[in-house]
C-alpha atoms as a PDB file:
ATOM      1  CA  UNK A   1      11.516  -2.959 -89.696  1.00  0.00           C
ATOM      2  CA  UNK A   2      14.084  -0.452 -90.881  1.00  0.00           C
ATOM      3  CA  UNK A   3      17.801  -0.543 -90.089  1.00  0.00           C
ATOM      4  CA  UNK A   4      17.556   2.342 -87.617  1.00  0.00           C
ATOM      5  CA  UNK A   5      14.903   0.551 -85.578  1.00  0.00           C
ATOM      6  CA  UNK A   6      16.888  -2.673 -85.622  1.00  0.00           C
ATOM      7  CA  UNK A   7      19.970  -0.814 -84.406  1.00  0.00           C
ATOM      8  CA  UNK A   8      17.943   0.869 -81.658  1.00  0.00           C
ATOM      9  CA  UNK A   9      16.722  -2.523 -80.453  1.00  0.00           C
ATOM     10  CA  UNK A  10      20.260  -3.920 -80.501  1.00  0.00           C
ATOM     11  CA  UNK A  11      21.526  -0.882 -78.602  1.00  0.00           C
ATOM     12  CA  UNK A  12      18.904  -1.322 -75.869  1.00  0.00           C
ATOM     13  CA  UNK A  13      19.465  -5.096 -75.694  1.00  0.00           C
ATOM     14  CA  UNK A  14      23.188  -4.456 -75.234  1.00  0.00           C
ATOM     15  CA  UNK A  15      23.910  -8.176 -75.491  1.00  0.00           C
ATOM     16  CA  UNK A  16      21.542  -9.193 -72.703  1.00  0.00           C
ATOM     17  CA  UNK A  17      18.878 -11.837 -73.513  1.00  0.00           C
ATOM     18  CA  UNK A  18      16.712 -10.636 -70.619  1.00  0.00           C
ATOM     19  CA  UNK A  19      16.620  -7.144 -72.141  1.00  0.00           C
ATOM     20  CA  UNK A  20      15.429  -8.714 -75.408  1.00  0.00           C
ATOM     21  CA  UNK A  21      12.552 -10.342 -73.520  1.00  0.00           C
ATOM     22  CA  UNK A  22      11.630  -6.998 -71.988  1.00  0.00           C
ATOM     23  CA  UNK A  23      11.681  -5.268 -75.376  1.00  0.00           C
ATOM     24  CA  UNK A  24       9.348  -7.923 -76.779  1.00  0.00           C
ATOM     25  CA  UNK A  25       6.897  -7.102 -73.979  1.00  0.00           C
ATOM     26  CA  UNK A  26       7.323  -3.351 -74.459  1.00  0.00           C
ATOM     27  CA  UNK A  27       6.440  -3.740 -78.144  1.00  0.00           C
ATOM     28  CA  UNK A  28       2.854  -4.423 -77.024  1.00  0.00           C
ATOM     29  CA  UNK A  29       2.643  -0.746 -76.063  1.00  0.00           C
ATOM     30  CA  UNK A  30       1.819   1.770 -78.796  1.00  0.00           C
ATOM     31  CA  UNK A  31       4.702   4.032 -77.771  1.00  0.00           C
ATOM     32  CA  UNK A  32       7.389   1.311 -77.636  1.00  0.00           C
ATOM     33  CA  UNK A  33       9.663   2.968 -80.199  1.00  0.00           C
ATOM     34  CA  UNK A  34       9.749   6.289 -78.352  1.00  0.00           C
ATOM     35  CA  UNK A  35      10.207   4.418 -75.098  1.00  0.00           C
ATOM     36  CA  UNK A  36      13.268   2.577 -76.441  1.00  0.00           C
ATOM     37  CA  UNK A  37      14.802   5.892 -77.513  1.00  0.00           C
ATOM     38  CA  UNK A  38      14.219   7.214 -74.008  1.00  0.00           C
ATOM     39  CA  UNK A  39      15.702   4.117 -72.345  1.00  0.00           C
ATOM     40  CA  UNK A  40      18.775   4.392 -74.553  1.00  0.00           C
ATOM     41  CA  UNK A  41      19.188   8.098 -73.755  1.00  0.00           C
ATOM     42  CA  UNK A  42      19.007   7.267 -70.034  1.00  0.00           C
ATOM     43  CA  UNK A  43      21.490   4.392 -70.454  1.00  0.00           C
ATOM     44  CA  UNK A  44      18.855   2.039 -69.099  1.00  0.00           C
ATOM     45  CA  UNK A  45      19.900  -0.833 -71.343  1.00  0.00           C
ATOM     46  CA  UNK A  46      21.085  -4.429 -71.239  1.00  0.00           C
ATOM     47  CA  UNK A  47      21.604  -6.006 -67.859  1.00  0.00           C
ATOM     48  CA  UNK A  48      20.578  -2.817 -66.021  1.00  0.00           C
ATOM     49  CA  UNK A  49      17.230  -2.767 -67.844  1.00  0.00           C
ATOM     50  CA  UNK A  50      16.726  -6.441 -67.024  1.00  0.00           C
ATOM     51  CA  UNK A  51      17.642  -5.940 -63.361  1.00  0.00           C
ATOM     52  CA  UNK A  52      15.314  -2.986 -62.860  1.00  0.00           C
ATOM     53  CA  UNK A  53      12.284  -4.515 -64.595  1.00  0.00           C
ATOM     54  CA  UNK A  54      12.835  -7.856 -62.831  1.00  0.00           C
ATOM     55  CA  UNK A  55      13.733  -6.655 -59.341  1.00  0.00           C
ATOM     56  CA  UNK A  56      12.079  -3.253 -58.946  1.00  0.00           C
ATOM     57  CA  UNK A  57       8.973  -3.833 -61.086  1.00  0.00           C
ATOM     58  CA  UNK A  58       8.594  -7.627 -60.803  1.00  0.00           C
ATOM     59  CA  UNK A  59       7.822  -7.684 -64.540  1.00  0.00           C
ATOM     60  CA  UNK A  60       4.924  -5.240 -64.209  1.00  0.00           C
ATOM     61  CA  UNK A  61       5.446  -3.720 -67.656  1.00  0.00           C
ATOM     62  CA  UNK A  62       2.497  -1.341 -67.407  1.00  0.00           C
ATOM     63  CA  UNK A  63       3.848   0.217 -64.231  1.00  0.00           C
ATOM     64  CA  UNK A  64       7.345   0.338 -65.710  1.00  0.00           C
ATOM     65  CA  UNK A  65       6.088   2.137 -68.827  1.00  0.00           C
ATOM     66  CA  UNK A  66       3.990   4.578 -66.801  1.00  0.00           C
ATOM     67  CA  UNK A  67       6.966   5.398 -64.580  1.00  0.00           C
ATOM     68  CA  UNK A  68       9.219   5.975 -67.595  1.00  0.00           C
ATOM     69  CA  UNK A  69       6.611   8.250 -69.166  1.00  0.00           C
ATOM     70  CA  UNK A  70       6.427  10.212 -65.922  1.00  0.00           C
ATOM     71  CA  UNK A  71      10.222  10.686 -65.998  1.00  0.00           C
ATOM     72  CA  UNK A  72      10.236  12.124 -69.515  1.00  0.00           C
ATOM     73  CA  UNK A  73       9.852  15.840 -70.055  1.00  0.00           C
ATOM     74  CA  UNK A  74       6.341  16.742 -68.896  1.00  0.00           C
ATOM     75  CA  UNK A  75       5.027  17.644 -72.363  1.00  0.00           C
ATOM     76  CA  UNK A  76       6.495  14.606 -74.119  1.00  0.00           C
ATOM     77  CA  UNK A  77       5.546  12.197 -71.352  1.00  0.00           C
ATOM     78  CA  UNK A  78       1.959  13.449 -71.201  1.00  0.00           C
ATOM     79  CA  UNK A  79       1.566  13.258 -74.995  1.00  0.00           C
ATOM     80  CA  UNK A  80       2.922   9.708 -75.108  1.00  0.00           C
ATOM     81  CA  UNK A  81       0.788   8.718 -72.124  1.00  0.00           C
ATOM     82  CA  UNK A  82      -2.294   9.978 -73.981  1.00  0.00           C
ATOM     83  CA  UNK A  83      -1.288   8.104 -77.141  1.00  0.00           C
ATOM     84  CA  UNK A  84      -0.658   4.989 -75.088  1.00  0.00           C
ATOM     85  CA  UNK A  85      -4.281   4.927 -73.959  1.00  0.00           C
ATOM     86  CA  UNK A  86      -5.857   5.943 -77.267  1.00  0.00           C
ATOM     87  CA  UNK A  87      -7.470   2.858 -78.876  1.00  0.00           C
ATOM     88  CA  UNK A  88      -6.379   3.728 -82.420  1.00  0.00           C
ATOM     89  CA  UNK A  89      -2.729   4.150 -81.429  1.00  0.00           C
ATOM     90  CA  UNK A  90      -2.239   0.454 -80.734  1.00  0.00           C
ATOM     91  CA  UNK A  91      -1.910  -0.369 -84.402  1.00  0.00           C
ATOM     92  CA  UNK A  92       1.798  -0.769 -85.194  1.00  0.00           C
END
């Protein structure tokens, strides 16, 4: 993992162990890296990320990811959604 990716993860964790747990789950999705960039740009990091995934999504990571993809720009979200469901894209 390169330094930029490590820094991105640390930025999204924002010192919150619950956010680290969420990121570990998000890494199962092919588009996790792009998703972390989006979360950071939306300031959905740290304790706020933990609160939303825990309280509003009850740890339903698939629904959380789909909702985030829907909130991205239509072209980018649709492209990432397609990649997410493409069998070859799951290889990290």
